[in-house]
N, C-alpha and C. Protein backbone atom coordinates (compact mmCIF):
# COMPACT_ATOMS: atom_id res chain seq x y z
N UNK A 1 -0.17 38.30 -15.85
CA UNK A 1 -0.27 36.99 -15.25
C UNK A 1 -1.65 36.44 -15.52
N UNK A 2 -1.74 35.11 -15.66
CA UNK A 2 -3.00 34.41 -15.90
C UNK A 2 -3.28 33.49 -14.73
N UNK A 3 -4.55 33.45 -14.31
CA UNK A 3 -4.94 32.62 -13.18
C UNK A 3 -5.86 31.52 -13.70
N UNK A 4 -5.48 30.26 -13.41
CA UNK A 4 -6.31 29.10 -13.75
C UNK A 4 -6.49 28.32 -12.46
N UNK A 5 -7.70 28.36 -11.89
CA UNK A 5 -7.94 27.72 -10.60
C UNK A 5 -7.07 28.37 -9.54
N UNK A 6 -6.22 27.60 -8.91
CA UNK A 6 -5.31 28.14 -7.90
C UNK A 6 -3.90 28.31 -8.45
N UNK A 7 -3.73 28.11 -9.75
CA UNK A 7 -2.41 28.23 -10.38
C UNK A 7 -2.28 29.58 -11.07
N UNK A 8 -1.12 30.18 -10.95
CA UNK A 8 -0.86 31.48 -11.55
C UNK A 8 0.32 31.33 -12.51
N UNK A 9 0.10 31.75 -13.78
CA UNK A 9 1.10 31.59 -14.82
C UNK A 9 1.58 32.93 -15.33
N UNK A 10 2.81 32.94 -15.79
CA UNK A 10 3.41 34.12 -16.40
C UNK A 10 2.78 34.32 -17.78
N UNK A 11 2.38 35.57 -18.10
CA UNK A 11 1.79 35.87 -19.41
C UNK A 11 2.82 35.80 -20.53
N UNK A 12 4.09 36.08 -20.21
CA UNK A 12 5.12 36.14 -21.25
C UNK A 12 5.61 34.77 -21.69
N UNK A 13 5.91 33.89 -20.72
CA UNK A 13 6.50 32.60 -21.08
C UNK A 13 5.67 31.39 -20.67
N UNK A 14 4.62 31.60 -19.85
CA UNK A 14 3.75 30.50 -19.44
C UNK A 14 4.24 29.71 -18.25
N UNK A 15 5.31 30.13 -17.62
CA UNK A 15 5.86 29.42 -16.47
C UNK A 15 4.94 29.58 -15.26
N UNK A 16 4.84 28.53 -14.46
CA UNK A 16 4.05 28.58 -13.24
C UNK A 16 4.76 29.47 -12.23
N UNK A 17 4.03 30.47 -11.72
CA UNK A 17 4.62 31.41 -10.76
C UNK A 17 4.45 30.89 -9.35
N UNK A 18 5.37 31.28 -8.48
CA UNK A 18 5.29 30.93 -7.07
C UNK A 18 4.17 31.77 -6.47
N UNK A 19 3.08 31.12 -6.08
CA UNK A 19 1.91 31.86 -5.60
C UNK A 19 1.94 32.14 -4.11
N UNK A 20 3.02 31.79 -3.43
CA UNK A 20 3.15 32.10 -2.02
C UNK A 20 3.42 33.60 -1.89
N UNK A 21 2.49 34.27 -1.24
CA UNK A 21 2.61 35.72 -1.11
C UNK A 21 3.64 36.03 -0.04
N UNK A 22 4.65 36.76 -0.42
CA UNK A 22 5.69 37.13 0.53
C UNK A 22 5.54 38.62 0.85
N UNK A 23 6.49 39.14 1.56
CA UNK A 23 6.45 40.56 1.93
C UNK A 23 6.80 41.45 0.75
N UNK A 24 7.28 40.86 -0.33
CA UNK A 24 7.61 41.64 -1.52
C UNK A 24 6.33 42.12 -2.20
N UNK A 25 6.39 43.26 -2.83
CA UNK A 25 5.22 43.79 -3.53
C UNK A 25 5.13 43.25 -4.95
N UNK A 26 6.20 42.62 -5.43
CA UNK A 26 6.18 42.04 -6.78
C UNK A 26 6.61 40.58 -6.74
N UNK A 27 6.11 39.85 -7.71
CA UNK A 27 6.52 38.45 -7.88
C UNK A 27 7.19 38.37 -9.23
N UNK A 28 8.37 37.80 -9.25
CA UNK A 28 9.14 37.70 -10.49
C UNK A 28 9.07 36.29 -11.04
N UNK A 29 8.99 36.21 -12.38
CA UNK A 29 9.02 34.91 -13.05
C UNK A 29 10.46 34.43 -13.05
N UNK A 30 10.68 33.21 -12.59
CA UNK A 30 12.03 32.65 -12.51
C UNK A 30 12.59 32.35 -13.90
N UNK A 31 11.73 32.18 -14.90
CA UNK A 31 12.18 31.83 -16.24
C UNK A 31 12.56 33.05 -17.07
N UNK A 32 11.63 34.02 -17.18
CA UNK A 32 11.89 35.15 -18.08
C UNK A 32 12.14 36.46 -17.34
N UNK A 33 11.90 36.50 -16.03
CA UNK A 33 12.17 37.69 -15.24
C UNK A 33 11.05 38.71 -15.21
N UNK A 34 9.89 38.42 -15.79
CA UNK A 34 8.77 39.36 -15.76
C UNK A 34 8.31 39.57 -14.34
N UNK A 35 7.93 40.80 -14.01
CA UNK A 35 7.47 41.15 -12.67
C UNK A 35 5.96 41.38 -12.66
N UNK A 36 5.30 40.89 -11.60
CA UNK A 36 3.86 41.05 -11.43
C UNK A 36 3.60 41.57 -10.02
N UNK A 37 2.56 42.38 -9.90
CA UNK A 37 2.17 42.95 -8.61
C UNK A 37 1.52 41.84 -7.78
N UNK A 38 2.06 41.56 -6.63
CA UNK A 38 1.56 40.46 -5.80
C UNK A 38 0.22 40.80 -5.15
N UNK A 39 -0.14 42.07 -5.10
CA UNK A 39 -1.42 42.45 -4.50
C UNK A 39 -2.61 42.05 -5.37
N UNK A 40 -2.36 41.79 -6.65
CA UNK A 40 -3.44 41.40 -7.55
C UNK A 40 -4.05 40.06 -7.18
N UNK A 41 -3.26 39.17 -6.65
CA UNK A 41 -3.80 37.86 -6.27
C UNK A 41 -3.60 37.55 -4.80
N UNK A 42 -3.34 38.56 -3.98
CA UNK A 42 -3.17 38.35 -2.55
C UNK A 42 -4.47 37.89 -1.90
N UNK A 43 -5.59 38.38 -2.39
CA UNK A 43 -6.89 38.00 -1.82
C UNK A 43 -7.64 37.01 -2.70
N UNK A 44 -6.90 36.28 -3.48
CA UNK A 44 -7.49 35.29 -4.39
C UNK A 44 -8.11 34.16 -3.57
N UNK A 45 -9.39 33.87 -3.82
CA UNK A 45 -10.09 32.80 -3.12
C UNK A 45 -10.32 31.65 -4.08
N UNK A 46 -9.92 30.46 -3.67
CA UNK A 46 -10.09 29.27 -4.49
C UNK A 46 -11.18 28.41 -3.87
N UNK A 47 -12.19 28.05 -4.68
CA UNK A 47 -13.27 27.19 -4.22
C UNK A 47 -13.20 25.88 -4.99
N UNK A 48 -13.19 24.77 -4.28
CA UNK A 48 -13.15 23.46 -4.92
C UNK A 48 -14.43 22.71 -4.62
N UNK A 49 -14.82 21.84 -5.54
CA UNK A 49 -16.02 21.04 -5.37
C UNK A 49 -15.69 19.62 -5.80
N UNK A 50 -16.04 18.65 -4.98
CA UNK A 50 -15.77 17.24 -5.27
C UNK A 50 -16.95 16.64 -6.03
N UNK A 51 -16.65 15.75 -6.95
CA UNK A 51 -17.72 15.05 -7.66
C UNK A 51 -18.19 13.87 -6.81
N UNK A 52 -19.34 13.31 -7.18
CA UNK A 52 -19.88 12.18 -6.42
C UNK A 52 -18.96 10.97 -6.43
N UNK A 53 -18.25 10.78 -7.53
CA UNK A 53 -17.38 9.60 -7.64
C UNK A 53 -16.05 9.77 -6.91
N UNK A 54 -15.77 10.95 -6.38
CA UNK A 54 -14.49 11.18 -5.70
C UNK A 54 -14.41 10.39 -4.39
N UNK A 55 -15.53 10.22 -3.71
CA UNK A 55 -15.56 9.50 -2.44
C UNK A 55 -16.66 8.44 -2.51
N UNK A 56 -16.35 7.27 -3.07
CA UNK A 56 -17.38 6.25 -3.25
C UNK A 56 -17.84 5.67 -1.92
N UNK A 57 -19.14 5.45 -1.80
CA UNK A 57 -19.68 4.85 -0.58
C UNK A 57 -19.72 3.34 -0.72
N UNK A 58 -19.76 2.64 0.40
CA UNK A 58 -19.82 1.19 0.37
C UNK A 58 -21.15 0.72 -0.19
N UNK A 59 -22.21 1.47 0.04
CA UNK A 59 -23.51 1.11 -0.51
C UNK A 59 -23.51 1.21 -2.03
N UNK A 60 -22.90 2.25 -2.57
CA UNK A 60 -22.83 2.42 -4.02
C UNK A 60 -21.97 1.32 -4.65
N UNK A 61 -20.94 0.88 -3.94
CA UNK A 61 -20.07 -0.17 -4.47
C UNK A 61 -20.78 -1.51 -4.52
N UNK A 62 -21.77 -1.73 -3.66
CA UNK A 62 -22.49 -2.99 -3.65
C UNK A 62 -23.41 -3.11 -4.86
N UNK A 63 -23.87 -1.98 -5.38
CA UNK A 63 -24.70 -2.00 -6.59
C UNK A 63 -23.78 -2.16 -7.77
N UNK A 64 -23.91 -3.25 -8.46
CA UNK A 64 -23.03 -3.54 -9.58
C UNK A 64 -23.84 -3.77 -10.84
N UNK A 65 -23.34 -3.29 -11.95
CA UNK A 65 -23.99 -3.51 -13.23
C UNK A 65 -23.74 -4.94 -13.69
N UNK A 66 -22.58 -5.47 -13.35
CA UNK A 66 -22.19 -6.81 -13.78
C UNK A 66 -22.48 -7.80 -12.66
N UNK A 67 -23.15 -8.88 -13.01
CA UNK A 67 -23.40 -9.92 -12.02
C UNK A 67 -22.15 -10.76 -11.88
N UNK A 68 -21.63 -10.86 -10.66
CA UNK A 68 -20.33 -11.49 -10.47
C UNK A 68 -20.40 -12.94 -10.01
N UNK A 69 -21.56 -13.43 -9.60
CA UNK A 69 -21.63 -14.81 -9.14
C UNK A 69 -22.94 -15.44 -9.59
N UNK A 70 -22.92 -16.74 -9.72
CA UNK A 70 -24.11 -17.49 -10.09
C UNK A 70 -24.51 -18.40 -8.94
N UNK A 71 -25.80 -18.48 -8.69
CA UNK A 71 -26.29 -19.42 -7.70
C UNK A 71 -26.27 -20.82 -8.27
N UNK A 72 -26.37 -21.81 -7.44
CA UNK A 72 -26.32 -23.20 -7.89
C UNK A 72 -27.43 -23.50 -8.90
N UNK A 73 -28.63 -22.90 -8.70
CA UNK A 73 -29.73 -23.18 -9.59
C UNK A 73 -29.61 -22.43 -10.91
N UNK A 74 -28.75 -21.41 -11.01
CA UNK A 74 -28.60 -20.64 -12.23
C UNK A 74 -27.55 -21.23 -13.17
N UNK A 75 -26.74 -22.15 -12.69
CA UNK A 75 -25.69 -22.74 -13.52
C UNK A 75 -26.30 -23.80 -14.43
N UNK A 76 -25.95 -23.74 -15.68
CA UNK A 76 -26.42 -24.73 -16.63
C UNK A 76 -25.35 -25.81 -16.75
N UNK A 77 -25.47 -26.85 -15.96
CA UNK A 77 -24.46 -27.90 -15.95
C UNK A 77 -24.65 -28.90 -17.08
N UNK A 78 -25.78 -28.81 -17.78
CA UNK A 78 -25.99 -29.70 -18.92
C UNK A 78 -25.06 -29.29 -20.04
N UNK A 79 -25.13 -28.04 -20.47
CA UNK A 79 -24.24 -27.51 -21.48
C UNK A 79 -24.47 -28.09 -22.86
N UNK A 80 -23.59 -27.76 -23.76
CA UNK A 80 -23.64 -28.24 -25.14
C UNK A 80 -22.80 -29.51 -25.26
N UNK A 81 -23.10 -30.29 -26.27
CA UNK A 81 -22.37 -31.54 -26.48
C UNK A 81 -21.23 -31.29 -27.46
N UNK A 82 -20.07 -31.89 -27.16
CA UNK A 82 -18.88 -31.70 -27.97
C UNK A 82 -18.18 -33.05 -28.15
N UNK A 83 -17.44 -33.18 -29.24
CA UNK A 83 -16.65 -34.39 -29.47
C UNK A 83 -15.30 -34.23 -28.76
N UNK A 84 -15.28 -34.62 -27.51
CA UNK A 84 -14.07 -34.54 -26.67
C UNK A 84 -13.96 -35.87 -25.95
N UNK A 85 -12.78 -36.44 -25.91
CA UNK A 85 -12.58 -37.75 -25.29
C UNK A 85 -12.52 -37.61 -23.78
N UNK A 86 -13.28 -38.44 -23.09
CA UNK A 86 -13.30 -38.45 -21.62
C UNK A 86 -12.00 -39.07 -21.12
N UNK A 87 -11.27 -38.40 -20.23
CA UNK A 87 -10.02 -38.96 -19.73
C UNK A 87 -10.21 -40.20 -18.86
N UNK A 88 -11.42 -40.39 -18.33
CA UNK A 88 -11.63 -41.52 -17.43
C UNK A 88 -12.13 -42.76 -18.17
N UNK A 89 -13.21 -42.63 -18.97
CA UNK A 89 -13.79 -43.83 -19.60
C UNK A 89 -13.47 -43.93 -21.10
N UNK A 90 -13.00 -42.85 -21.71
CA UNK A 90 -12.61 -42.88 -23.11
C UNK A 90 -13.71 -42.61 -24.11
N UNK A 91 -14.93 -42.34 -23.65
CA UNK A 91 -16.02 -42.03 -24.58
C UNK A 91 -15.73 -40.71 -25.28
N UNK A 92 -16.13 -40.61 -26.56
CA UNK A 92 -15.80 -39.45 -27.38
C UNK A 92 -16.85 -38.34 -27.32
N UNK A 93 -17.73 -38.35 -26.36
CA UNK A 93 -18.76 -37.32 -26.28
C UNK A 93 -18.85 -36.77 -24.87
N UNK A 94 -18.75 -35.44 -24.75
CA UNK A 94 -18.87 -34.78 -23.43
C UNK A 94 -19.75 -33.54 -23.58
N UNK A 95 -20.27 -33.10 -22.47
CA UNK A 95 -21.01 -31.85 -22.44
C UNK A 95 -20.13 -30.80 -21.78
N UNK A 96 -20.30 -29.54 -22.19
CA UNK A 96 -19.48 -28.48 -21.60
C UNK A 96 -20.28 -27.19 -21.46
N UNK A 97 -19.82 -26.33 -20.56
CA UNK A 97 -20.30 -24.96 -20.42
C UNK A 97 -19.12 -24.14 -19.93
N UNK A 98 -19.19 -22.84 -20.16
CA UNK A 98 -18.07 -21.98 -19.75
C UNK A 98 -18.57 -20.84 -18.89
N UNK A 99 -17.71 -20.38 -17.98
CA UNK A 99 -17.98 -19.24 -17.11
C UNK A 99 -16.75 -18.35 -17.08
N UNK A 100 -16.97 -17.05 -17.01
CA UNK A 100 -15.88 -16.09 -16.87
C UNK A 100 -15.60 -15.92 -15.38
N UNK A 101 -14.66 -16.70 -14.85
CA UNK A 101 -14.36 -16.67 -13.42
C UNK A 101 -13.21 -15.75 -13.08
N UNK A 102 -12.35 -15.46 -14.06
CA UNK A 102 -11.19 -14.60 -13.82
C UNK A 102 -11.45 -13.23 -14.42
N UNK A 103 -10.46 -12.39 -14.44
CA UNK A 103 -10.65 -11.03 -14.96
C UNK A 103 -11.01 -11.07 -16.44
N UNK A 104 -11.56 -9.96 -16.92
CA UNK A 104 -12.10 -9.91 -18.29
C UNK A 104 -11.03 -10.07 -19.36
N UNK A 105 -9.79 -9.75 -19.07
CA UNK A 105 -8.75 -9.87 -20.09
C UNK A 105 -8.16 -11.29 -20.15
N UNK A 106 -8.66 -12.20 -19.35
CA UNK A 106 -8.22 -13.58 -19.38
C UNK A 106 -9.35 -14.46 -19.91
N UNK A 107 -9.02 -15.66 -20.35
CA UNK A 107 -10.01 -16.55 -20.93
C UNK A 107 -11.00 -17.09 -19.91
N UNK A 108 -12.06 -17.69 -20.43
CA UNK A 108 -13.09 -18.28 -19.58
C UNK A 108 -12.66 -19.66 -19.11
N UNK A 109 -13.29 -20.14 -18.05
CA UNK A 109 -13.06 -21.50 -17.56
C UNK A 109 -14.13 -22.39 -18.19
N UNK A 110 -13.70 -23.50 -18.80
CA UNK A 110 -14.62 -24.43 -19.46
C UNK A 110 -14.77 -25.65 -18.57
N UNK A 111 -16.02 -26.02 -18.27
CA UNK A 111 -16.34 -27.17 -17.42
C UNK A 111 -16.87 -28.29 -18.31
N UNK A 112 -16.26 -29.48 -18.23
CA UNK A 112 -16.64 -30.63 -19.03
C UNK A 112 -17.28 -31.69 -18.13
N UNK A 113 -18.30 -32.38 -18.67
CA UNK A 113 -18.94 -33.49 -17.98
C UNK A 113 -19.13 -34.62 -18.98
N UNK A 114 -18.67 -35.80 -18.64
CA UNK A 114 -18.81 -36.96 -19.51
C UNK A 114 -20.28 -37.39 -19.53
N UNK A 115 -20.82 -37.63 -20.73
CA UNK A 115 -22.22 -38.05 -20.85
C UNK A 115 -22.42 -39.51 -20.46
N UNK A 116 -21.35 -40.27 -20.39
CA UNK A 116 -21.45 -41.70 -20.07
C UNK A 116 -21.20 -41.96 -18.58
N UNK A 117 -20.02 -41.58 -18.07
CA UNK A 117 -19.66 -41.91 -16.69
C UNK A 117 -19.86 -40.76 -15.70
N UNK A 118 -20.11 -39.54 -16.19
CA UNK A 118 -20.34 -38.40 -15.31
C UNK A 118 -19.07 -37.74 -14.80
N UNK A 119 -17.90 -38.15 -15.29
CA UNK A 119 -16.63 -37.56 -14.87
C UNK A 119 -16.61 -36.06 -15.21
N UNK A 120 -16.13 -35.23 -14.28
CA UNK A 120 -16.10 -33.78 -14.49
C UNK A 120 -14.68 -33.26 -14.35
N UNK A 121 -14.34 -32.31 -15.22
CA UNK A 121 -13.07 -31.60 -15.09
C UNK A 121 -13.22 -30.24 -15.76
N UNK A 122 -12.25 -29.36 -15.51
CA UNK A 122 -12.32 -28.02 -16.08
C UNK A 122 -10.96 -27.61 -16.62
N UNK A 123 -10.99 -26.68 -17.58
CA UNK A 123 -9.76 -26.12 -18.14
C UNK A 123 -9.88 -24.62 -18.20
N UNK A 124 -8.76 -23.94 -18.04
CA UNK A 124 -8.72 -22.48 -18.16
C UNK A 124 -8.20 -22.13 -19.54
N UNK A 125 -9.02 -21.44 -20.31
CA UNK A 125 -8.62 -21.06 -21.67
C UNK A 125 -7.93 -19.72 -21.67
């Protein structure tokens, strides 16, 4: 029999053995019928250790590598100029900037501002 952690396997066929120690002196493999002495692992002690990431703390979760929000003063509302027609006044020039507001596998949100009338709207790409 082979012991890996708290699991005990049959040496002949690799089947997981029933590790519940009963009053029997032997444990039989249900697959191939091999017999093993149950006293060999009757006093088997299993020690487990948890990693730091197994139980995350709320303080650790607050520390983020990715900045998730922008303050009002950090947003660049001027943006780049593009040839896009304003839906309100019809001028062919608008400024735009984009922000990733949704999950990473979805497109960014593009914010448009008319350079003439100041009309603002946004689209989700």
